[in-house]
Amino acid sequence: MEFLSTSLLELITQTSTNLPPDVRKAMSWAIGAETPGTQSHQALTIMGANIDMAHEDEGAICQDTGMPTFIVHTPVGVNQLTIAAAIRQAVAEATRRGKLRPNSVDSLTGANSGNNLGVETPVIHFEQWEEDEIEVKLLLKGGGCENKNIQYSLPCELDHLGKAGRDLAGVKKCLLHAVWQAQGQGCAPGAIGACIGSDRAHGYMLAKMQLFRTLDDVNPVPELARLEAEVLEEANRLGIGAMGFGGGVSLIGCKVTAANRLPASFFVSVAYDCWAFRRLGVRLEAKSGAITRWLYRDPSRPVEKMVAETALPLTGREIVLEPPLTAGQMRALKVGDVVLIRGEVFTGRDAVHAHLMNNPPPVNLEGAVLYHCGPVMLKEGDEWFVKAAGPTTSIREEPYQAEILRRYGVKAVVGKGGMGKKTSEGLKECGAVYLHAIGGAAQFYARTVKKVLGVHLMEFGIPEAMWHLLVEDFLAVVTMDAHGNSLHAEVEEATGAKLAEARI
């Protein structure tokens, strides 16, 4: 199969950098439906600009390119071992080119393989069929939304919704609860795939497979078609909004299937995907591996821009922050303020935070900005360049953040999805703030990085290392201030009340 690896590399590249038309259509609707002038509308506009930038630069839409999941259908007699080897070769090459972030980590040692290859990575599912061509579908689903997957065992009690029984009304409660519990941590507006029934393991698999449906299709099962439409409508009345900022658009798709189950078990499995819904597929000629046609998109049709201008227009009311920062400057900020960071920032994710609990930082963090980010980086000669650099989900750092604020003098934490009570208390005590960047907007933020000044703790791997960056006009919103106020807590409480009002 002389063209197989080339075809698969093109599939990976297009999936990572070019959203399919059905997702673009849904995001265009979301931008148009949200109230102009709100933070949710601003976030959606940045998302639209980021989609355009990713296509223009052939760069990763989101820096978290997820766990590559391939669904492969082959004619009888085709050697699946050859296809699996070609997939692994293409994944490694895509990683080398910066189309995928090195995401494969040994669960025992914590070592990053550096090429997205490892035990059970990438994920490949093979099935035979009676058609003459090979079909390969690919889903890139990042860790932030993967962490918001959820499974229910009915009957159960749900926050704000009460008892969910073993019927479609109970299932509907579960699906609305799944959207509510994700808030902004899964990069809303999201999409959900769900499975009613099956067992615990296969139910999750079937739920994820629903994400291979187009967002604008109609379920052939009337009861499920009604359920999908009702959940989509009611979820968008909860008020979660883009990135959990509060607003009218929280969900862009709901896809549900049902599978037979054991009498004793009634599971509802939900796969939550983010707005950066990266899913494409190809048909391949069985002998050569050449692409015969694309699924989900028509490459001959010009890609329409999402927004008129890729540069976000500023209001002039933005507050400029130039590190090192002081407690006085941070206490002058309040929830809702929009800031522009100009100067030096340091990235730090899970490994860095755990390290700092037992070791001094490799740099002076007094007055610093700490960015929850695992960028896509490429090295040219002796110099590093940022290829994608959006925020990661901050709540994972909740066990560490307040103590790091106290010990090292960090004055601004940047991430997405917000943080909890411990961090809020730490911000108040130390005179620091939490700044919310727009999740998934990896190209938008990469363009604010003017130079990579250095890197520390590289032994943790590229995503988990501490990168020293020089940024200009890095836009973020204060969502947790130094006075104990939290937009995330407010929205969660308000949307919980609306969830309780839902008539099911």
Protein backbone atom coordinates (compact mmCIF):
# COMPACT_ATOMS: atom_id res chain seq x y z
CA MET A 1 0.00 0.00 0.00
CA GLU A 2 2.30 2.72 -1.30
CA PHE A 3 0.02 5.66 -0.44
CA LEU A 4 -1.35 4.42 2.91
CA SER A 5 0.93 6.30 5.33
CA THR A 6 0.63 9.50 3.28
CA SER A 7 -3.16 9.22 3.27
CA LEU A 8 -3.29 8.63 7.02
CA LEU A 9 -0.94 11.54 7.71
CA GLU A 10 -3.24 13.81 5.69
CA LEU A 11 -6.25 12.53 7.65
CA ILE A 12 -4.53 13.31 10.97
CA THR A 13 -3.40 16.75 9.79
CA GLN A 14 -6.84 17.78 8.52
CA THR A 15 -8.59 16.43 11.62
CA SER A 16 -6.30 18.41 13.92
CA THR A 17 -6.38 21.67 11.97
CA ASN A 18 -9.64 21.94 10.02
CA LEU A 19 -13.05 21.54 11.68
CA PRO A 20 -15.66 19.71 9.56
CA PRO A 21 -18.56 21.69 8.01
CA ASP A 22 -21.24 20.40 10.42
CA VAL A 23 -19.25 21.65 13.43
CA ARG A 24 -18.50 24.97 11.72
CA LYS A 25 -22.22 25.38 11.01
CA ALA A 26 -23.09 24.69 14.64
CA MET A 27 -20.46 27.15 15.90
CA SER A 28 -21.67 29.81 13.46
CA TRP A 29 -25.15 29.32 14.87
CA ALA A 30 -23.77 29.63 18.40
CA ILE A 31 -21.98 32.90 17.62
CA GLY A 32 -25.14 34.33 16.04
CA ALA A 33 -27.42 33.12 18.84
CA GLU A 34 -25.41 34.51 21.76
CA THR A 35 -26.08 38.02 23.04
CA PRO A 36 -23.54 40.50 21.60
CA GLY A 37 -21.39 42.34 24.13
CA THR A 38 -21.39 39.51 26.66
CA GLN A 39 -18.33 37.56 27.75
CA SER A 40 -19.82 34.42 26.24
CA HIS A 41 -20.18 36.14 22.87
CA GLN A 42 -16.60 37.41 23.10
CA ALA A 43 -15.43 33.87 23.89
CA LEU A 44 -17.37 32.46 20.93
CA THR A 45 -15.89 35.11 18.66
CA ILE A 46 -12.39 34.12 19.78
CA MET A 47 -13.27 30.49 19.09
CA GLY A 48 -14.40 31.41 15.58
CA ALA A 49 -11.21 33.39 14.97
CA ASN A 50 -9.17 30.46 16.25
CA ILE A 51 -10.89 28.08 13.82
CA ASP A 52 -9.94 30.42 10.97
CA MET A 53 -6.34 30.77 12.19
CA ALA A 54 -5.90 27.02 12.51
CA HIS A 55 -7.03 26.47 8.92
CA GLU A 56 -4.90 29.32 7.59
CA ASP A 57 -1.73 28.15 9.33
CA GLU A 58 -2.50 24.41 9.25
CA GLY A 59 -1.92 24.47 13.00
CA ALA A 60 -3.62 22.47 15.74
CA ILE A 61 -7.02 23.96 16.62
CA CYS A 62 -6.43 23.03 20.26
CA GLN A 63 -3.04 22.26 21.78
CA ASP A 64 -4.55 19.18 23.43
CA THR A 65 -4.87 16.89 20.42
CA GLY A 66 -6.19 14.16 22.69
CA MET A 67 -6.03 10.40 22.42
CA PRO A 68 -6.12 9.59 18.67
CA THR A 69 -8.99 7.11 18.21
CA PHE A 70 -9.25 5.35 14.85
CA ILE A 71 -12.25 3.34 13.65
CA VAL A 72 -11.21 1.19 10.68
CA HIS A 73 -13.43 -0.89 8.41
CA THR A 74 -11.64 -3.28 6.07
CA PRO A 75 -12.73 -5.65 3.29
CA VAL A 76 -12.27 -9.36 3.96
CA GLY A 77 -8.69 -10.34 3.18
CA VAL A 78 -7.04 -6.96 3.85
CA ASN A 79 -4.08 -7.22 6.24
CA GLN A 80 -5.07 -5.24 9.33
CA LEU A 81 -1.54 -5.52 10.75
CA THR A 82 -0.27 -3.47 7.79
CA ILE A 83 -2.89 -0.79 8.43
CA ALA A 84 -2.12 -0.66 12.16
CA ALA A 85 1.59 -0.23 11.45
CA ALA A 86 0.85 2.57 8.96
CA ILE A 87 -1.40 4.32 11.49
CA ARG A 88 1.37 4.27 14.09
CA GLN A 89 3.89 5.56 11.55
CA ALA A 90 1.55 8.40 10.53
CA VAL A 91 0.83 9.31 14.17
CA ALA A 92 4.54 9.55 14.95
CA GLU A 93 5.19 11.69 11.87
CA ALA A 94 2.24 13.99 12.64
CA THR A 95 3.66 14.46 16.13
CA ARG A 96 7.11 15.28 14.73
CA ARG A 97 5.50 17.93 12.49
CA GLY A 98 3.57 19.52 15.36
CA LYS A 99 0.10 18.47 14.16
CA LEU A 100 -0.29 16.34 17.28
CA ARG A 101 1.03 17.13 20.75
CA PRO A 102 3.05 14.31 22.36
CA ASN A 103 0.34 12.99 24.70
CA SER A 104 1.26 9.35 25.36
CA VAL A 105 2.41 8.99 28.98
CA ASP A 106 3.47 5.74 30.67
CA SER A 107 0.96 5.25 33.48
CA LEU A 108 3.56 3.55 35.72
CA THR A 109 6.62 5.76 35.24
CA GLY A 110 5.06 9.03 34.04
CA ALA A 111 7.47 9.14 31.10
CA ASN A 112 6.21 10.75 27.89
CA SER A 113 7.07 8.67 24.80
CA GLY A 114 7.45 11.89 22.77
CA ASN A 115 5.76 10.49 19.65
CA ASN A 116 2.22 9.54 20.78
CA LEU A 117 3.09 5.84 20.60
CA GLY A 118 2.91 3.50 23.56
CA VAL A 119 0.94 0.69 25.14
CA GLU A 120 -2.56 0.87 23.60
CA THR A 121 -1.74 4.26 22.05
CA PRO A 122 -3.12 5.25 19.60
CA VAL A 123 -6.49 3.56 20.01
CA ILE A 124 -7.42 1.48 16.94
CA HIS A 125 -10.70 -0.40 16.47
CA PHE A 126 -10.97 -2.76 13.50
CA GLU A 127 -14.11 -4.15 11.92
CA GLN A 128 -14.61 -6.06 8.68
CA TRP A 129 -17.28 -5.26 6.13
CA GLU A 130 -18.31 -6.41 2.67
CA GLU A 131 -17.44 -3.22 0.80
CA ASP A 132 -14.39 -2.99 -1.46
CA GLU A 133 -12.75 0.06 0.13
CA ILE A 134 -11.08 0.71 3.48
CA GLU A 135 -12.73 3.30 5.70
CA VAL A 136 -10.81 5.13 8.42
CA LYS A 137 -12.47 7.54 10.82
CA LEU A 138 -10.51 9.56 13.39
CA LEU A 139 -11.61 11.31 16.57
CA LEU A 140 -9.28 13.66 18.46
CA LYS A 141 -10.86 14.27 21.87
CA GLY A 142 -8.83 16.22 24.40
CA GLY A 143 -8.30 15.46 28.07
CA GLY A 144 -10.36 18.38 29.38
CA CYS A 145 -13.59 17.14 27.82
CA GLU A 146 -12.61 13.48 28.32
CA ASN A 147 -12.47 14.18 32.06
CA LYS A 148 -16.12 15.33 31.94
CA ASN A 149 -17.38 12.00 30.59
CA ILE A 150 -19.78 10.53 33.11
CA GLN A 151 -21.75 7.34 33.66
CA TYR A 152 -24.96 6.85 35.63
CA SER A 153 -26.47 3.68 37.09
CA LEU A 154 -30.25 4.02 37.28
CA PRO A 155 -32.12 4.49 39.49
CA CYS A 156 -30.07 7.23 41.15
CA GLU A 157 -30.37 10.60 42.85
CA LEU A 158 -29.05 13.61 40.91
CA ASP A 159 -28.15 17.08 42.18
CA HIS A 160 -31.04 19.50 41.58
CA LEU A 161 -33.05 16.87 39.67
CA GLY A 162 -33.93 14.29 42.29
CA LYS A 163 -34.60 10.67 41.40
CA ALA A 164 -33.81 9.44 37.89
CA GLY A 165 -35.69 6.22 37.18
CA ARG A 166 -35.27 3.47 34.60
CA ASP A 167 -37.16 5.21 31.82
CA LEU A 168 -36.61 7.91 29.20
CA ALA A 169 -37.50 10.62 31.70
CA GLY A 170 -34.71 9.35 33.95
CA VAL A 171 -32.33 9.19 31.00
CA LYS A 172 -33.17 12.79 30.10
CA LYS A 173 -32.33 13.90 33.63
CA CYS A 174 -28.96 12.17 33.33
CA LEU A 175 -28.15 13.89 30.04
CA LEU A 176 -29.04 17.34 31.35
CA HIS A 177 -27.05 16.65 34.51
CA ALA A 178 -24.07 15.60 32.35
CA VAL A 179 -24.12 18.97 30.59
CA TRP A 180 -24.57 20.86 33.86
CA GLN A 181 -21.74 19.11 35.71
CA ALA A 182 -19.31 19.91 32.88
CA GLN A 183 -19.89 23.67 33.28
CA GLY A 184 -16.96 25.36 31.47
CA GLN A 185 -14.40 22.70 32.27
CA GLY A 186 -15.18 20.72 29.11
CA CYS A 187 -14.88 23.85 26.91
CA ALA A 188 -18.54 24.65 26.37
CA PRO A 189 -20.46 24.83 24.12
CA GLY A 190 -19.95 21.10 23.87
CA ALA A 191 -21.61 18.09 22.32
CA ILE A 192 -22.57 14.83 23.99
CA GLY A 193 -22.75 11.29 22.73
CA ALA A 194 -24.72 8.93 24.93
CA CYS A 195 -25.62 5.26 25.23
CA ILE A 196 -28.64 3.93 27.08
CA GLY A 197 -27.93 0.41 28.33
CA SER A 198 -25.13 -2.08 27.52
CA ASP A 199 -22.50 -2.74 30.20
CA ARG A 200 -20.15 -0.24 31.82
CA ALA A 201 -17.26 -0.65 29.38
CA HIS A 202 -19.10 -1.10 26.08
CA GLY A 203 -21.62 1.59 27.00
CA TYR A 204 -18.83 4.16 27.11
CA MET A 205 -17.53 2.91 23.77
CA LEU A 206 -20.97 3.19 22.16
CA ALA A 207 -21.42 6.67 23.63
CA LYS A 208 -18.14 7.82 22.08
CA MET A 209 -19.15 6.28 18.75
CA GLN A 210 -22.17 8.61 18.68
CA LEU A 211 -19.69 11.46 18.22
CA PHE A 212 -19.01 10.13 14.72
CA ARG A 213 -22.54 11.16 13.71
CA THR A 214 -22.92 14.57 12.10
CA LEU A 215 -24.40 17.24 14.34
CA ASP A 216 -27.23 17.96 11.90
CA ASP A 217 -28.47 14.39 11.34
CA VAL A 218 -31.76 13.00 12.70
CA ASN A 219 -31.88 9.85 14.78
CA PRO A 220 -33.81 7.10 12.90
CA VAL A 221 -35.43 6.00 16.20
CA PRO A 222 -38.32 8.44 16.83
CA GLU A 223 -38.11 8.24 20.63
CA LEU A 224 -34.39 8.99 20.56
CA ALA A 225 -34.82 11.78 17.99
CA ARG A 226 -37.27 13.49 20.35
CA LEU A 227 -34.94 12.96 23.30
CA GLU A 228 -31.99 14.49 21.43
CA ALA A 229 -34.00 17.56 20.39
CA GLU A 230 -35.42 18.11 23.88
CA VAL A 231 -32.04 17.81 25.61
CA LEU A 232 -30.45 20.23 23.13
CA GLU A 233 -33.21 22.77 23.68
CA GLU A 234 -33.37 22.47 27.46
CA ALA A 235 -29.59 22.40 27.95
CA ASN A 236 -29.40 25.74 26.16
CA ARG A 237 -31.84 27.19 28.69
CA LEU A 238 -29.62 26.38 31.67
CA GLY A 239 -27.44 29.48 31.25
CA ILE A 240 -24.00 27.84 31.35
CA GLY A 241 -22.78 29.64 28.23
CA ALA A 242 -19.46 29.52 26.43
CA MET A 243 -16.61 28.48 28.75
CA GLY A 244 -19.08 28.55 31.65
CA PHE A 245 -19.27 32.36 31.55
CA GLY A 246 -23.08 32.29 31.61
CA GLY A 247 -25.09 32.64 28.42
CA GLY A 248 -27.64 31.17 26.04
CA VAL A 249 -25.57 28.55 24.21
CA SER A 250 -24.20 25.62 26.20
CA LEU A 251 -24.62 22.65 23.83
CA ILE A 252 -24.22 22.26 20.06
CA GLY A 253 -25.14 18.59 19.72
CA CYS A 254 -26.80 15.64 21.46
CA LYS A 255 -26.55 12.14 19.95
CA VAL A 256 -28.02 9.08 21.66
CA THR A 257 -28.14 5.35 20.99
CA ALA A 258 -29.64 2.46 22.94
CA ALA A 259 -28.27 -1.05 23.48
CA ASN A 260 -29.67 -4.10 25.22
CA ARG A 261 -28.65 -4.55 28.83
CA LEU A 262 -28.64 -7.02 31.68
CA PRO A 263 -31.83 -7.09 33.78
CA ALA A 264 -29.89 -5.96 36.85
CA SER A 265 -28.10 -3.06 35.13
CA PHE A 266 -29.33 0.20 33.61
CA PHE A 267 -26.40 2.42 32.68
CA VAL A 268 -26.46 5.77 30.93
CA SER A 269 -22.99 6.52 29.57
CA VAL A 270 -22.11 10.01 28.34
CA ALA A 271 -19.11 11.10 26.26
CA TYR A 272 -18.71 14.89 26.46
CA ASP A 273 -16.84 16.61 23.62
CA CYS A 274 -15.70 20.22 23.44
CA TRP A 275 -16.51 22.90 20.86
CA ALA A 276 -13.25 21.96 19.08
CA PHE A 277 -15.04 18.85 17.81
CA ARG A 278 -12.30 17.23 15.71
CA ARG A 279 -13.60 14.30 13.71
CA LEU A 280 -12.99 13.34 10.09
CA GLY A 281 -12.74 10.23 7.91
CA VAL A 282 -11.57 8.92 4.56
CA ARG A 283 -12.29 6.10 2.15
CA LEU A 284 -9.13 4.43 0.80
CA GLU A 285 -8.47 2.29 -2.27
CA ALA A 286 -7.82 -1.15 -0.81
CA LYS A 287 -4.76 -2.01 -2.91
CA SER A 288 -2.88 1.30 -2.90
CA GLY A 289 -4.17 3.06 0.22
CA ALA A 290 -4.87 6.22 -1.77
CA ILE A 291 -7.73 8.47 -0.66
CA THR A 292 -10.79 8.01 -2.90
CA ARG A 293 -13.03 10.41 -0.97
CA TRP A 294 -13.37 12.30 2.29
CA LEU A 295 -16.10 11.82 4.88
CA TYR A 296 -17.75 14.80 6.60
CA ARG A 297 -16.15 17.32 4.21
CA ASP A 298 -15.78 18.14 0.52
CA PRO A 299 -12.17 19.28 -0.09
CA SER A 300 -13.17 20.89 -3.39
CA ARG A 301 -15.50 23.29 -1.60
CA PRO A 302 -13.79 26.47 -0.28
CA VAL A 303 -13.65 26.74 3.50
CA GLU A 304 -15.76 29.68 4.64
CA LYS A 305 -14.38 32.00 7.32
CA MET A 306 -16.07 31.89 10.71
CA VAL A 307 -15.54 35.56 11.58
CA ALA A 308 -14.83 38.67 9.53
CA GLU A 309 -11.60 39.55 11.36
CA THR A 310 -9.15 37.18 13.03
CA ALA A 311 -7.89 39.98 15.29
CA LEU A 312 -10.32 40.55 18.15
CA PRO A 313 -11.38 44.21 18.31
CA LEU A 314 -10.50 45.73 21.68
CA THR A 315 -12.75 48.14 23.56
CA GLY A 316 -10.03 50.25 25.16
CA ARG A 317 -11.34 49.26 28.61
CA GLU A 318 -8.95 46.32 28.91
CA ILE A 319 -6.49 46.48 31.82
CA VAL A 320 -2.84 45.95 30.94
CA LEU A 321 -0.83 43.71 33.29
CA GLU A 322 2.96 43.77 33.05
CA PRO A 323 4.66 41.21 35.32
CA PRO A 324 6.05 41.21 37.94
CA LEU A 325 2.69 41.97 39.55
CA THR A 326 1.87 43.21 43.04
CA ALA A 327 -0.85 42.28 45.51
CA GLY A 328 -2.11 45.87 45.31
CA GLN A 329 -2.58 45.64 41.56
CA MET A 330 -4.44 42.34 41.91
CA ARG A 331 -6.73 43.59 44.67
CA ALA A 332 -7.77 46.43 42.36
CA LEU A 333 -9.17 43.90 39.88
CA LYS A 334 -12.69 42.50 40.07
CA VAL A 335 -14.61 39.65 38.47
CA GLY A 336 -15.48 40.51 34.88
CA ASP A 337 -12.45 42.71 34.19
CA VAL A 338 -10.72 41.93 30.87
CA VAL A 339 -6.94 42.05 31.00
CA LEU A 340 -4.08 42.05 28.48
CA ILE A 341 -0.86 40.47 29.72
CA ARG A 342 2.33 41.98 28.33
CA GLY A 343 5.56 40.44 29.50
CA GLU A 344 6.87 37.18 30.88
CA VAL A 345 4.74 34.19 31.88
CA PHE A 346 5.58 30.65 32.98
CA THR A 347 3.60 27.55 32.09
CA GLY A 348 2.87 24.91 34.70
CA ARG A 349 0.59 21.88 34.59
CA ASP A 350 0.09 18.80 36.75
CA ALA A 351 3.73 17.66 36.93
CA VAL A 352 5.05 21.15 37.68
CA HIS A 353 2.52 21.72 40.46
CA ALA A 354 3.28 18.36 42.08
CA HIS A 355 7.01 19.11 41.78
CA LEU A 356 6.67 22.52 43.43
CA MET A 357 5.03 20.99 46.50
CA ASN A 358 8.31 19.25 47.33
CA ASN A 359 10.96 21.31 45.52
CA PRO A 360 11.80 24.98 45.04
CA PRO A 361 10.94 26.42 41.61
CA PRO A 362 13.69 26.63 38.99
CA VAL A 363 12.82 30.33 38.51
CA ASN A 364 11.74 33.26 40.66
CA LEU A 365 7.93 33.22 40.76
CA GLU A 366 7.47 36.32 42.93
CA GLY A 367 4.87 38.46 41.16
CA ALA A 368 4.72 35.97 38.31
CA VAL A 369 1.93 34.81 36.00
CA LEU A 370 1.55 31.02 36.04
CA TYR A 371 -0.20 29.66 32.96
CA HIS A 372 -1.96 26.28 33.06
CA CYS A 373 -0.88 25.24 29.57
CA GLY A 374 0.74 22.31 27.81
CA PRO A 375 1.79 23.82 24.48
CA VAL A 376 2.69 22.23 21.17
CA MET A 377 6.35 23.12 20.61
CA LEU A 378 8.76 22.62 17.74
CA LYS A 379 12.51 23.17 17.81
CA GLU A 380 14.31 24.72 14.84
CA GLY A 381 18.06 24.70 15.36
CA ASP A 382 18.63 25.88 18.92
CA GLU A 383 15.39 27.83 19.19
CA TRP A 384 11.94 26.69 20.34
CA PHE A 385 8.72 27.94 18.75
CA VAL A 386 5.16 27.75 20.05
CA LYS A 387 2.79 26.07 17.56
CA ALA A 388 -0.32 25.93 19.80
CA ALA A 389 -0.85 27.27 23.31
CA GLY A 390 -4.37 27.34 24.73
CA PRO A 391 -5.21 26.80 28.44
CA THR A 392 -5.75 23.47 30.14
CA THR A 393 -8.45 22.68 32.73
CA SER A 394 -7.39 24.28 36.00
CA ILE A 395 -9.40 22.27 38.51
CA ARG A 396 -6.78 19.49 38.40
CA GLU A 397 -4.42 21.86 40.23
CA GLU A 398 -6.88 22.56 43.06
CA PRO A 399 -4.94 20.40 45.58
CA TYR A 400 -1.78 22.47 45.00
CA GLN A 401 -2.64 25.98 43.89
CA ALA A 402 -3.26 27.80 47.16
CA GLU A 403 -0.05 26.49 48.71
CA ILE A 404 1.98 27.50 45.64
CA LEU A 405 0.51 31.00 45.89
CA ARG A 406 1.58 31.21 49.54
CA ARG A 407 5.06 29.77 49.12
CA TYR A 408 6.28 31.41 45.93
CA GLY A 409 4.39 34.68 45.48
CA VAL A 410 2.56 33.92 42.22
CA LYS A 411 0.08 36.74 41.64
CA ALA A 412 -1.94 35.59 38.62
CA VAL A 413 -3.01 32.11 37.61
CA VAL A 414 -4.26 31.63 34.04
CA GLY A 415 -6.30 28.63 32.95
CA LYS A 416 -9.80 27.55 32.01
CA GLY A 417 -12.86 26.22 33.79
CA GLY A 418 -12.18 27.93 37.10
CA MET A 419 -11.00 26.56 40.43
CA GLY A 420 -12.49 25.69 43.80
CA LYS A 421 -12.87 26.99 47.33
CA LYS A 422 -9.30 26.26 48.47
CA THR A 423 -7.85 28.28 45.61
CA SER A 424 -10.36 31.08 46.14
CA GLU A 425 -9.26 31.37 49.77
CA GLY A 426 -5.61 31.36 48.66
CA LEU A 427 -6.24 34.15 46.15
CA LYS A 428 -7.91 36.25 48.84
CA GLU A 429 -5.15 35.62 51.37
CA CYS A 430 -2.26 36.31 48.97
CA GLY A 431 -3.70 39.11 46.87
CA ALA A 432 -3.83 37.16 43.61
CA VAL A 433 -6.37 36.50 40.86
CA TYR A 434 -7.50 33.72 38.54
CA LEU A 435 -7.60 34.72 34.87
CA HIS A 436 -9.73 32.72 32.45
CA ALA A 437 -8.39 32.21 28.94
CA ILE A 438 -10.54 30.74 26.17
CA GLY A 439 -10.24 26.96 26.07
CA GLY A 440 -9.30 25.42 22.73
CA ALA A 441 -8.13 28.75 21.26
CA ALA A 442 -4.62 27.41 20.75
CA GLN A 443 -3.76 29.41 17.64
CA PHE A 444 -5.24 32.63 19.03
CA TYR A 445 -2.93 32.43 22.04
CA ALA A 446 0.08 31.08 20.14
CA ARG A 447 0.07 34.32 18.15
CA THR A 448 0.49 36.32 21.37
CA VAL A 449 3.78 34.55 22.16
CA LYS A 450 6.60 36.67 20.81
CA LYS A 451 9.51 34.56 22.02
CA VAL A 452 10.33 31.42 23.99
CA LEU A 453 12.79 32.64 26.62
CA GLY A 454 13.64 29.23 28.03
CA VAL A 455 12.41 25.90 29.35
CA HIS A 456 12.79 24.15 32.69
CA LEU A 457 11.89 20.67 33.99
CA MET A 458 12.06 19.24 30.49
CA GLU A 459 12.33 15.77 32.02
CA PHE A 460 8.54 15.91 32.42
CA GLY A 461 8.05 16.03 28.62
CA ILE A 462 7.02 18.90 26.36
CA PRO A 463 3.42 19.36 27.59
CA GLU A 464 4.39 19.19 31.28
CA ALA A 465 7.62 21.20 31.18
CA MET A 466 7.81 24.76 32.55
CA TRP A 467 8.08 27.06 29.54
CA HIS A 468 9.25 30.65 29.94
CA LEU A 469 7.36 32.78 27.41
CA LEU A 470 7.26 36.42 26.39
CA VAL A 471 3.71 37.41 25.45
CA GLU A 472 2.02 40.52 24.12
CA ASP A 473 -1.69 41.34 24.55
CA PHE A 474 -2.58 37.94 25.96
CA LEU A 475 -6.33 38.36 26.60
CA ALA A 476 -8.06 36.85 29.64
CA VAL A 477 -10.99 37.55 31.95
CA VAL A 478 -10.85 37.85 35.74
CA THR A 479 -13.25 35.15 36.94
CA MET A 480 -11.92 34.74 40.52
CA ASP A 481 -10.71 37.89 42.24
CA ALA A 482 -8.70 38.63 45.39
CA HIS A 483 -11.85 39.35 47.41
CA GLY A 484 -13.38 35.86 47.36
CA ASN A 485 -15.68 36.40 44.38
CA SER A 486 -15.98 33.64 41.77
CA LEU A 487 -17.92 33.78 38.53
CA HIS A 488 -17.72 29.98 38.37
CA ALA A 489 -19.42 29.52 41.74
CA GLU A 490 -22.11 32.04 40.77
CA VAL A 491 -22.86 30.36 37.43
CA GLU A 492 -22.88 26.89 38.97
CA GLU A 493 -25.40 28.01 41.59
CA ALA A 494 -27.60 29.84 39.09
CA THR A 495 -27.58 27.00 36.55
CA GLY A 496 -28.26 24.48 39.29
CA ALA A 497 -31.43 26.39 40.16
CA LYS A 498 -32.48 26.38 36.50
CA LEU A 499 -31.75 22.66 36.30
CA ALA A 500 -34.09 22.09 39.22
CA GLU A 501 -36.81 23.99 37.36
CA ALA A 502 -36.54 21.76 34.27
CA ARG A 503 -39.83 19.97 33.68
CA ILE A 504 -39.17 16.33 32.87
